[in-house]
N, C-alpha and C. Protein backbone atom coordinates (compact mmCIF):
# COMPACT_ATOMS: atom_id res chain seq x y z
N MET A 1 -57.43 -18.73 -18.09
CA MET A 1 -57.90 -17.37 -17.85
C MET A 1 -57.04 -16.42 -18.69
N SER A 2 -57.71 -15.52 -19.39
CA SER A 2 -56.97 -14.60 -20.25
C SER A 2 -56.24 -13.55 -19.42
N SER A 3 -55.29 -12.92 -20.05
CA SER A 3 -54.50 -11.92 -19.34
C SER A 3 -55.36 -10.70 -18.97
N LYS A 4 -56.35 -10.39 -19.79
CA LYS A 4 -57.24 -9.27 -19.49
C LYS A 4 -58.06 -9.54 -18.23
N VAL A 5 -58.52 -10.76 -18.09
CA VAL A 5 -59.29 -11.13 -16.89
C VAL A 5 -58.39 -11.08 -15.66
N ARG A 6 -57.15 -11.54 -15.81
CA ARG A 6 -56.21 -11.49 -14.67
C ARG A 6 -55.91 -10.05 -14.27
N ILE A 7 -55.78 -9.16 -15.25
CA ILE A 7 -55.55 -7.74 -14.95
C ILE A 7 -56.78 -7.16 -14.26
N LEU A 8 -57.95 -7.52 -14.73
CA LEU A 8 -59.19 -7.06 -14.10
C LEU A 8 -59.24 -7.51 -12.64
N GLU A 9 -58.91 -8.76 -12.42
CA GLU A 9 -58.97 -9.33 -11.07
C GLU A 9 -57.89 -8.77 -10.16
N SER A 10 -56.70 -8.55 -10.67
CA SER A 10 -55.59 -8.15 -9.81
C SER A 10 -55.39 -6.64 -9.70
N CYS A 11 -55.83 -5.87 -10.68
CA CYS A 11 -55.59 -4.42 -10.65
C CYS A 11 -56.86 -3.59 -10.51
N ILE A 12 -57.87 -3.92 -11.27
CA ILE A 12 -59.05 -3.07 -11.32
C ILE A 12 -60.01 -3.35 -10.16
N MET A 13 -60.27 -4.62 -9.86
CA MET A 13 -61.21 -4.94 -8.79
C MET A 13 -60.72 -4.46 -7.42
N PRO A 14 -59.44 -4.57 -7.08
CA PRO A 14 -59.00 -4.01 -5.80
C PRO A 14 -59.22 -2.50 -5.69
N VAL A 15 -59.05 -1.79 -6.81
CA VAL A 15 -59.30 -0.35 -6.80
C VAL A 15 -60.79 -0.08 -6.63
N LEU A 16 -61.62 -0.86 -7.29
CA LEU A 16 -63.07 -0.71 -7.19
C LEU A 16 -63.57 -0.96 -5.77
N CYS A 17 -62.94 -1.91 -5.09
CA CYS A 17 -63.37 -2.30 -3.75
C CYS A 17 -62.52 -1.73 -2.63
N TYR A 18 -61.65 -0.79 -2.93
CA TYR A 18 -60.73 -0.27 -1.93
C TYR A 18 -61.48 0.35 -0.75
N GLY A 19 -61.20 -0.12 0.43
CA GLY A 19 -61.82 0.41 1.64
C GLY A 19 -63.23 -0.08 1.87
N ALA A 20 -63.67 -1.10 1.13
CA ALA A 20 -65.04 -1.58 1.23
C ALA A 20 -65.38 -2.13 2.62
N GLU A 21 -64.35 -2.46 3.40
CA GLU A 21 -64.59 -3.01 4.73
C GLU A 21 -65.35 -2.02 5.60
N THR A 22 -65.12 -0.74 5.37
CA THR A 22 -65.70 0.29 6.23
C THR A 22 -66.90 0.99 5.61
N TRP A 23 -67.27 0.62 4.41
CA TRP A 23 -68.41 1.26 3.75
C TRP A 23 -69.71 0.78 4.35
N ALA A 24 -70.67 1.66 4.41
CA ALA A 24 -72.04 1.28 4.75
C ALA A 24 -72.78 1.16 3.41
N THR A 25 -72.57 0.05 2.74
CA THR A 25 -73.10 -0.11 1.39
C THR A 25 -74.60 -0.38 1.41
N THR A 26 -75.29 0.24 0.49
CA THR A 26 -76.71 -0.04 0.31
C THR A 26 -76.85 -1.06 -0.82
N LYS A 27 -78.05 -1.57 -0.95
CA LYS A 27 -78.29 -2.55 -2.00
C LYS A 27 -78.06 -1.93 -3.37
N LYS A 28 -78.46 -0.66 -3.52
CA LYS A 28 -78.30 0.03 -4.80
C LYS A 28 -76.83 0.19 -5.16
N GLU A 29 -75.99 0.54 -4.19
CA GLU A 29 -74.56 0.69 -4.46
C GLU A 29 -73.92 -0.64 -4.83
N THR A 30 -74.31 -1.70 -4.13
CA THR A 30 -73.77 -3.03 -4.43
C THR A 30 -74.18 -3.45 -5.84
N GLU A 31 -75.44 -3.22 -6.18
CA GLU A 31 -75.91 -3.57 -7.53
C GLU A 31 -75.17 -2.76 -8.60
N ARG A 32 -74.88 -1.50 -8.31
CA ARG A 32 -74.15 -0.66 -9.26
C ARG A 32 -72.74 -1.19 -9.48
N MET A 33 -72.09 -1.63 -8.40
CA MET A 33 -70.74 -2.19 -8.54
C MET A 33 -70.77 -3.51 -9.29
N GLN A 34 -71.80 -4.33 -9.02
CA GLN A 34 -71.93 -5.59 -9.74
C GLN A 34 -72.16 -5.34 -11.23
N LYS A 35 -72.97 -4.34 -11.52
CA LYS A 35 -73.25 -3.98 -12.92
C LYS A 35 -71.96 -3.53 -13.62
N THR A 36 -71.16 -2.74 -12.91
CA THR A 36 -69.88 -2.28 -13.47
C THR A 36 -68.95 -3.46 -13.74
N GLN A 37 -68.86 -4.37 -12.77
CA GLN A 37 -68.00 -5.54 -12.94
C GLN A 37 -68.44 -6.39 -14.13
N ARG A 38 -69.74 -6.65 -14.21
CA ARG A 38 -70.24 -7.48 -15.31
C ARG A 38 -70.03 -6.80 -16.67
N ALA A 39 -70.17 -5.47 -16.72
CA ALA A 39 -69.94 -4.76 -17.98
C ALA A 39 -68.49 -4.91 -18.42
N MET A 40 -67.56 -4.81 -17.47
CA MET A 40 -66.15 -4.97 -17.81
C MET A 40 -65.86 -6.40 -18.28
N VAL A 41 -66.44 -7.37 -17.59
CA VAL A 41 -66.21 -8.78 -17.95
C VAL A 41 -66.82 -9.06 -19.32
N ARG A 42 -68.02 -8.55 -19.56
CA ARG A 42 -68.66 -8.74 -20.87
C ARG A 42 -67.80 -8.15 -21.99
N ASP A 43 -67.25 -6.98 -21.74
CA ASP A 43 -66.40 -6.34 -22.74
C ASP A 43 -65.14 -7.17 -23.01
N ILE A 44 -64.53 -7.70 -21.95
CA ILE A 44 -63.32 -8.52 -22.11
C ILE A 44 -63.62 -9.79 -22.88
N LEU A 45 -64.76 -10.43 -22.56
CA LEU A 45 -65.10 -11.69 -23.22
C LEU A 45 -65.76 -11.50 -24.58
N GLY A 46 -66.09 -10.26 -24.92
CA GLY A 46 -66.72 -9.99 -26.21
C GLY A 46 -68.18 -10.42 -26.26
N ILE A 47 -68.86 -10.38 -25.15
CA ILE A 47 -70.26 -10.76 -25.07
C ILE A 47 -71.12 -9.50 -25.09
N ARG A 48 -72.10 -9.48 -25.97
CA ARG A 48 -73.01 -8.34 -26.05
C ARG A 48 -74.25 -8.62 -25.22
N ILE A 49 -74.89 -7.56 -24.78
CA ILE A 49 -76.09 -7.71 -23.95
C ILE A 49 -77.19 -8.41 -24.73
N ARG A 50 -77.25 -8.17 -26.02
CA ARG A 50 -78.29 -8.78 -26.86
C ARG A 50 -78.20 -10.30 -26.91
N GLU A 51 -77.06 -10.85 -26.52
CA GLU A 51 -76.88 -12.30 -26.57
C GLU A 51 -77.62 -13.02 -25.47
N LYS A 52 -78.12 -12.30 -24.48
CA LYS A 52 -78.95 -12.85 -23.40
C LYS A 52 -78.27 -14.01 -22.66
N ILE A 53 -77.04 -13.80 -22.24
CA ILE A 53 -76.32 -14.78 -21.43
C ILE A 53 -76.44 -14.36 -19.98
N SER A 54 -76.76 -15.30 -19.11
CA SER A 54 -77.00 -14.97 -17.70
C SER A 54 -75.72 -14.46 -17.03
N ASN A 55 -75.93 -13.70 -15.99
CA ASN A 55 -74.79 -13.12 -15.26
C ASN A 55 -73.92 -14.20 -14.63
N THR A 56 -74.54 -15.23 -14.07
CA THR A 56 -73.74 -16.30 -13.44
C THR A 56 -72.90 -17.03 -14.49
N GLU A 57 -73.46 -17.20 -15.68
CA GLU A 57 -72.70 -17.87 -16.74
C GLU A 57 -71.51 -17.01 -17.18
N ILE A 58 -71.72 -15.70 -17.25
CA ILE A 58 -70.63 -14.79 -17.62
C ILE A 58 -69.51 -14.86 -16.59
N MET A 59 -69.89 -14.81 -15.30
CA MET A 59 -68.88 -14.85 -14.23
C MET A 59 -68.17 -16.20 -14.21
N ASN A 60 -68.88 -17.28 -14.49
CA ASN A 60 -68.26 -18.61 -14.54
C ASN A 60 -67.28 -18.71 -15.70
N LYS A 61 -67.64 -18.14 -16.83
CA LYS A 61 -66.73 -18.16 -18.00
C LYS A 61 -65.43 -17.43 -17.67
N ALA A 62 -65.56 -16.30 -16.97
CA ALA A 62 -64.37 -15.51 -16.63
C ALA A 62 -63.63 -16.10 -15.43
N GLY A 63 -64.32 -16.90 -14.64
CA GLY A 63 -63.69 -17.49 -13.46
C GLY A 63 -63.50 -16.47 -12.34
N LEU A 64 -64.41 -15.51 -12.25
CA LEU A 64 -64.31 -14.46 -11.24
C LEU A 64 -65.39 -14.60 -10.18
N VAL A 65 -65.14 -13.99 -9.03
CA VAL A 65 -66.10 -13.95 -7.94
C VAL A 65 -66.87 -12.63 -8.04
N ASP A 66 -68.15 -12.68 -7.73
CA ASP A 66 -68.99 -11.49 -7.77
C ASP A 66 -68.48 -10.46 -6.78
N VAL A 67 -68.48 -9.20 -7.18
CA VAL A 67 -67.95 -8.12 -6.36
C VAL A 67 -68.78 -7.95 -5.07
N GLY A 68 -70.07 -8.20 -5.13
CA GLY A 68 -70.91 -8.12 -3.94
C GLY A 68 -70.48 -9.13 -2.89
N TYR A 69 -70.17 -10.34 -3.33
CA TYR A 69 -69.69 -11.37 -2.42
C TYR A 69 -68.34 -11.00 -1.83
N SER A 70 -67.44 -10.48 -2.65
CA SER A 70 -66.10 -10.14 -2.14
C SER A 70 -66.17 -8.98 -1.15
N ILE A 71 -67.10 -8.05 -1.34
CA ILE A 71 -67.26 -6.95 -0.38
C ILE A 71 -67.78 -7.49 0.96
N LYS A 72 -68.76 -8.40 0.90
CA LYS A 72 -69.27 -9.01 2.14
C LYS A 72 -68.15 -9.75 2.87
N LEU A 73 -67.35 -10.47 2.12
CA LEU A 73 -66.25 -11.21 2.71
C LEU A 73 -65.26 -10.27 3.39
N LYS A 74 -64.93 -9.16 2.72
CA LYS A 74 -64.01 -8.17 3.31
C LYS A 74 -64.58 -7.59 4.60
N LYS A 75 -65.89 -7.34 4.61
CA LYS A 75 -66.52 -6.78 5.81
C LYS A 75 -66.43 -7.77 6.98
N PHE A 76 -66.68 -9.03 6.71
CA PHE A 76 -66.59 -10.04 7.77
C PHE A 76 -65.16 -10.19 8.27
N GLU A 77 -64.20 -10.18 7.35
CA GLU A 77 -62.79 -10.29 7.76
C GLU A 77 -62.39 -9.09 8.62
N PHE A 78 -62.84 -7.90 8.25
CA PHE A 78 -62.52 -6.70 9.01
C PHE A 78 -63.18 -6.73 10.39
N ALA A 79 -64.43 -7.21 10.44
CA ALA A 79 -65.13 -7.31 11.72
C ALA A 79 -64.38 -8.26 12.65
N GLY A 80 -63.89 -9.37 12.12
CA GLY A 80 -63.10 -10.29 12.93
C GLY A 80 -61.81 -9.66 13.41
N HIS A 81 -61.19 -8.89 12.54
CA HIS A 81 -59.95 -8.20 12.90
C HIS A 81 -60.21 -7.21 14.04
N VAL A 82 -61.27 -6.44 13.94
CA VAL A 82 -61.61 -5.47 14.97
C VAL A 82 -61.94 -6.18 16.28
N PHE A 83 -62.71 -7.26 16.18
CA PHE A 83 -63.09 -8.00 17.39
C PHE A 83 -61.85 -8.57 18.08
N ARG A 84 -60.95 -9.16 17.31
CA ARG A 84 -59.74 -9.72 17.91
C ARG A 84 -58.88 -8.62 18.51
N GLY A 85 -58.82 -7.46 17.87
CA GLY A 85 -58.04 -6.34 18.40
C GLY A 85 -58.58 -5.85 19.72
N ARG A 86 -59.90 -5.74 19.82
CA ARG A 86 -60.52 -5.29 21.07
C ARG A 86 -60.29 -6.30 22.18
N ALA A 87 -60.39 -7.58 21.85
CA ALA A 87 -60.21 -8.61 22.86
C ALA A 87 -58.78 -8.60 23.38
N SER A 88 -57.80 -8.42 22.50
CA SER A 88 -56.41 -8.42 22.95
C SER A 88 -56.11 -7.16 23.76
N ARG A 89 -56.74 -6.04 23.40
CA ARG A 89 -56.56 -4.82 24.19
C ARG A 89 -57.11 -5.00 25.60
N ARG A 90 -58.26 -5.67 25.70
CA ARG A 90 -58.85 -5.93 27.02
C ARG A 90 -57.93 -6.82 27.85
N ARG A 91 -57.34 -7.84 27.20
CA ARG A 91 -56.42 -8.72 27.93
C ARG A 91 -55.20 -7.96 28.40
N LEU A 92 -54.66 -7.09 27.54
CA LEU A 92 -53.50 -6.29 27.92
C LEU A 92 -53.84 -5.33 29.06
N GLN A 93 -55.01 -4.73 28.99
CA GLN A 93 -55.43 -3.80 30.03
C GLN A 93 -55.60 -4.54 31.36
N HIS A 94 -56.20 -5.72 31.30
CA HIS A 94 -56.38 -6.53 32.51
C HIS A 94 -55.03 -6.92 33.09
N LYS A 95 -54.10 -7.30 32.21
CA LYS A 95 -52.76 -7.69 32.65
C LYS A 95 -52.05 -6.50 33.31
N ALA A 96 -52.17 -5.31 32.73
CA ALA A 96 -51.55 -4.11 33.29
C ALA A 96 -52.13 -3.80 34.67
N GLU A 97 -53.43 -3.93 34.81
CA GLU A 97 -54.06 -3.70 36.12
C GLU A 97 -53.56 -4.72 37.14
N GLU A 98 -53.40 -5.96 36.69
CA GLU A 98 -52.90 -7.02 37.57
C GLU A 98 -51.49 -6.70 38.06
N ILE A 99 -50.65 -6.22 37.15
CA ILE A 99 -49.27 -5.87 37.51
C ILE A 99 -49.26 -4.72 38.51
N GLN A 100 -50.12 -3.73 38.31
CA GLN A 100 -50.19 -2.59 39.23
C GLN A 100 -50.62 -3.05 40.62
N ILE A 101 -51.56 -3.96 40.68
CA ILE A 101 -52.02 -4.49 41.98
C ILE A 101 -50.89 -5.22 42.67
N ARG A 102 -50.16 -6.04 41.92
CA ARG A 102 -49.02 -6.78 42.51
C ARG A 102 -47.96 -5.83 43.04
N ARG A 103 -47.65 -4.79 42.25
CA ARG A 103 -46.64 -3.82 42.69
C ARG A 103 -47.08 -3.09 43.94
N SER A 104 -48.36 -2.73 44.02
CA SER A 104 -48.83 -2.01 45.20
C SER A 104 -48.82 -2.92 46.42
N CYS A 105 -49.05 -4.22 46.23
CA CYS A 105 -49.01 -5.17 47.35
C CYS A 105 -47.58 -5.35 47.85
N VAL A 106 -46.63 -5.41 46.93
CA VAL A 106 -45.23 -5.61 47.28
C VAL A 106 -44.69 -4.36 47.98
N GLN A 107 -45.05 -3.19 47.49
CA GLN A 107 -44.53 -1.93 48.05
C GLN A 107 -45.22 -1.58 49.36
N GLY A 108 -46.47 -1.93 49.52
CA GLY A 108 -47.25 -1.49 50.68
C GLY A 108 -47.23 -2.44 51.78
């Protein structure tokens, strides 16, 4: 993998996808981001649009993951994080209520 592709993957794509977990992305926005990513990859690899190389082949040559897929993955990871956070809060709340009941039984 060339250094330009590594810079794209490590510096530019995180900026492009920053906060994507909370976005309500439409199909048009996702396609626009994919188009931007492919344009950058094409420029790095020196591939012109006239050469008629498929998008999957371009991404395979660069060894990158499609930005649409990475946004979906981030959304699922964030949803799991939120779900686990809510579940642990419920357990803590239940535990606190349990402690209050025990204290009231001991004192009363």
